[in-house]
Amino acid sequence: MLAIVYGGIVYSYIYVLQQSLNFAAQQGAQAAVATIPITTGTDPAGATTAAKLANATLAVNNALGWLPPAQKGRLSIPSAAPGCVVPAGTFAVQVNFTTAGLFAALNLPGLPSFPYMPPALLACAVAYT
């Protein structure tokens, strides 16, 4: 009975966390698209991309503000979005969350370690610019 209750709590939290990461990535992509393009300077395209990433990061952090401080350190927002399929003319926001050590595993006799958790959660949102 303990394993069922513990598994329900763990998987419920992982589900809520994955949905929150999806929402945060979507908010980040919307913030990136809303960025006003920079037209002056030596590298306006690079400056615009940096501004989009900064706005996306701010939006993701705001959307995930409910996370405890210890878990915020598990978040990463890569600048290149390597796990996303990025068509031409789009801007992608990827949010990674490392789950290793998030919950203690139960080691019951005769059963494998429980509950199984993926090593990381990934959310990706792509917006047309």
Protein backbone atom coordinates (compact mmCIF):
# COMPACT_ATOMS: atom_id res chain seq x y z
CA MET A 1 0.00 0.00 0.00
CA LEU A 2 2.90 2.33 0.80
CA ALA A 3 4.36 1.82 -2.68
CA ILE A 4 1.05 2.68 -4.35
CA VAL A 5 0.60 5.90 -2.35
CA TYR A 6 4.23 6.94 -2.77
CA GLY A 7 4.14 6.17 -6.50
CA GLY A 8 0.93 8.18 -6.87
CA ILE A 9 2.49 11.19 -5.17
CA VAL A 10 5.73 10.98 -7.17
CA TYR A 11 4.08 10.50 -10.56
CA SER A 12 1.52 13.22 -9.84
CA TYR A 13 4.34 15.66 -9.10
CA ILE A 14 6.25 14.61 -12.23
CA TYR A 15 3.09 15.11 -14.32
CA VAL A 16 2.47 18.59 -12.87
CA LEU A 17 6.12 19.45 -13.36
CA GLN A 18 6.09 18.34 -17.03
CA GLN A 19 2.94 20.36 -17.73
CA SER A 20 4.50 23.38 -16.00
CA LEU A 21 7.64 23.04 -18.14
CA ASN A 22 5.48 22.91 -21.28
CA PHE A 23 3.63 26.05 -20.19
CA ALA A 24 6.88 27.83 -19.29
CA ALA A 25 8.42 26.99 -22.68
CA GLN A 26 5.30 28.33 -24.40
CA GLN A 27 5.46 31.54 -22.36
CA GLY A 28 9.15 31.88 -23.22
CA ALA A 29 8.46 31.48 -26.95
CA GLN A 30 5.70 34.10 -26.77
CA ALA A 31 8.02 36.52 -24.96
CA ALA A 32 10.75 35.93 -27.55
CA VAL A 33 8.41 36.64 -30.45
CA ALA A 34 7.22 39.84 -28.75
CA THR A 35 10.80 41.19 -28.63
CA ILE A 36 11.32 44.32 -30.70
CA PRO A 37 14.08 43.70 -33.29
CA ILE A 38 17.33 45.62 -32.81
CA THR A 39 18.31 47.45 -36.01
CA THR A 40 21.48 49.29 -34.98
CA GLY A 41 24.98 48.21 -33.99
CA THR A 42 27.59 45.96 -35.51
CA ASP A 43 25.55 42.73 -35.25
CA PRO A 44 21.83 43.56 -35.08
CA ALA A 45 20.74 39.96 -35.77
CA GLY A 46 22.90 38.64 -32.94
CA ALA A 47 21.72 41.38 -30.58
CA THR A 48 18.09 40.60 -31.43
CA THR A 49 18.66 36.89 -30.79
CA ALA A 50 20.30 37.67 -27.44
CA ALA A 51 17.39 39.92 -26.49
CA LYS A 52 14.91 37.19 -27.47
CA LEU A 53 16.76 34.65 -25.33
CA ALA A 54 16.89 37.04 -22.38
CA ASN A 55 13.15 37.75 -22.61
CA ALA A 56 12.40 34.03 -23.00
CA THR A 57 14.53 33.17 -19.97
CA LEU A 58 12.77 35.80 -17.88
CA ALA A 59 9.35 34.50 -18.93
CA VAL A 60 10.32 30.89 -18.17
CA ASN A 61 11.63 31.83 -14.73
CA ASN A 62 8.45 33.79 -14.00
CA ALA A 63 6.24 30.87 -15.08
CA LEU A 64 8.21 28.48 -12.87
CA GLY A 65 8.34 30.82 -9.88
CA TRP A 66 6.39 28.31 -7.79
CA LEU A 67 9.31 25.84 -7.74
CA PRO A 68 11.25 25.59 -4.48
CA PRO A 69 14.70 27.25 -4.62
CA ALA A 70 16.50 23.89 -4.45
CA GLN A 71 14.67 22.71 -7.57
CA LYS A 72 15.24 25.90 -9.56
CA GLY A 73 18.89 24.87 -9.76
CA ARG A 74 17.81 21.82 -11.77
CA LEU A 75 16.47 24.03 -14.59
CA SER A 76 18.41 24.91 -17.70
CA ILE A 77 17.45 26.89 -20.78
CA PRO A 78 19.99 26.20 -23.54
CA SER A 79 20.51 28.97 -26.06
CA ALA A 80 20.49 26.67 -29.10
CA ALA A 81 17.55 24.35 -28.16
CA PRO A 82 19.35 21.15 -29.21
CA GLY A 83 16.38 18.89 -28.39
CA CYS A 84 13.90 20.82 -30.52
CA VAL A 85 13.06 20.60 -34.18
CA VAL A 86 13.50 24.19 -35.35
CA PRO A 87 12.15 25.04 -38.82
CA ALA A 88 13.56 28.05 -40.66
CA GLY A 89 12.14 31.40 -39.59
CA THR A 90 11.30 30.25 -36.07
CA PHE A 91 12.63 30.74 -32.56
CA ALA A 92 12.72 27.76 -30.20
CA VAL A 93 12.75 27.73 -26.42
CA GLN A 94 13.82 24.55 -24.66
CA VAL A 95 13.48 23.98 -20.93
CA ASN A 96 15.33 21.09 -19.25
CA PHE A 97 14.78 19.81 -15.72
CA THR A 98 17.07 17.19 -14.17
CA THR A 99 15.15 14.69 -12.03
CA ALA A 100 18.09 12.65 -10.70
CA GLY A 101 17.77 12.45 -6.93
CA LEU A 102 14.50 14.39 -6.84
CA PHE A 103 12.71 11.61 -4.93
CA ALA A 104 14.12 8.74 -2.93
CA ALA A 105 13.69 5.31 -4.51
CA LEU A 106 11.95 2.53 -2.59
CA ASN A 107 13.86 -0.72 -2.53
CA LEU A 108 11.32 -3.37 -1.67
CA PRO A 109 12.37 -7.04 -1.44
CA GLY A 110 11.84 -8.90 -4.69
CA LEU A 111 11.00 -5.76 -6.69
CA PRO A 112 13.13 -3.41 -8.75
CA SER A 113 13.83 0.07 -7.44
CA PHE A 114 10.58 2.03 -7.42
CA PRO A 115 9.41 4.52 -8.73
CA TYR A 116 11.13 4.78 -12.08
CA MET A 117 11.77 8.38 -13.12
CA PRO A 118 13.25 9.66 -16.36
CA PRO A 119 16.70 11.24 -15.89
CA ALA A 120 15.42 14.57 -17.25
CA LEU A 121 12.26 16.29 -18.40
CA LEU A 122 12.29 18.37 -21.56
CA ALA A 123 9.84 20.91 -22.91
CA CYS A 124 10.12 22.67 -26.22
CA ALA A 125 8.11 25.46 -27.82
CA VAL A 126 8.64 26.90 -31.29
CA ALA A 127 7.25 30.23 -32.46
CA TYR A 128 7.36 31.79 -35.90
CA THR A 129 9.16 35.13 -35.98
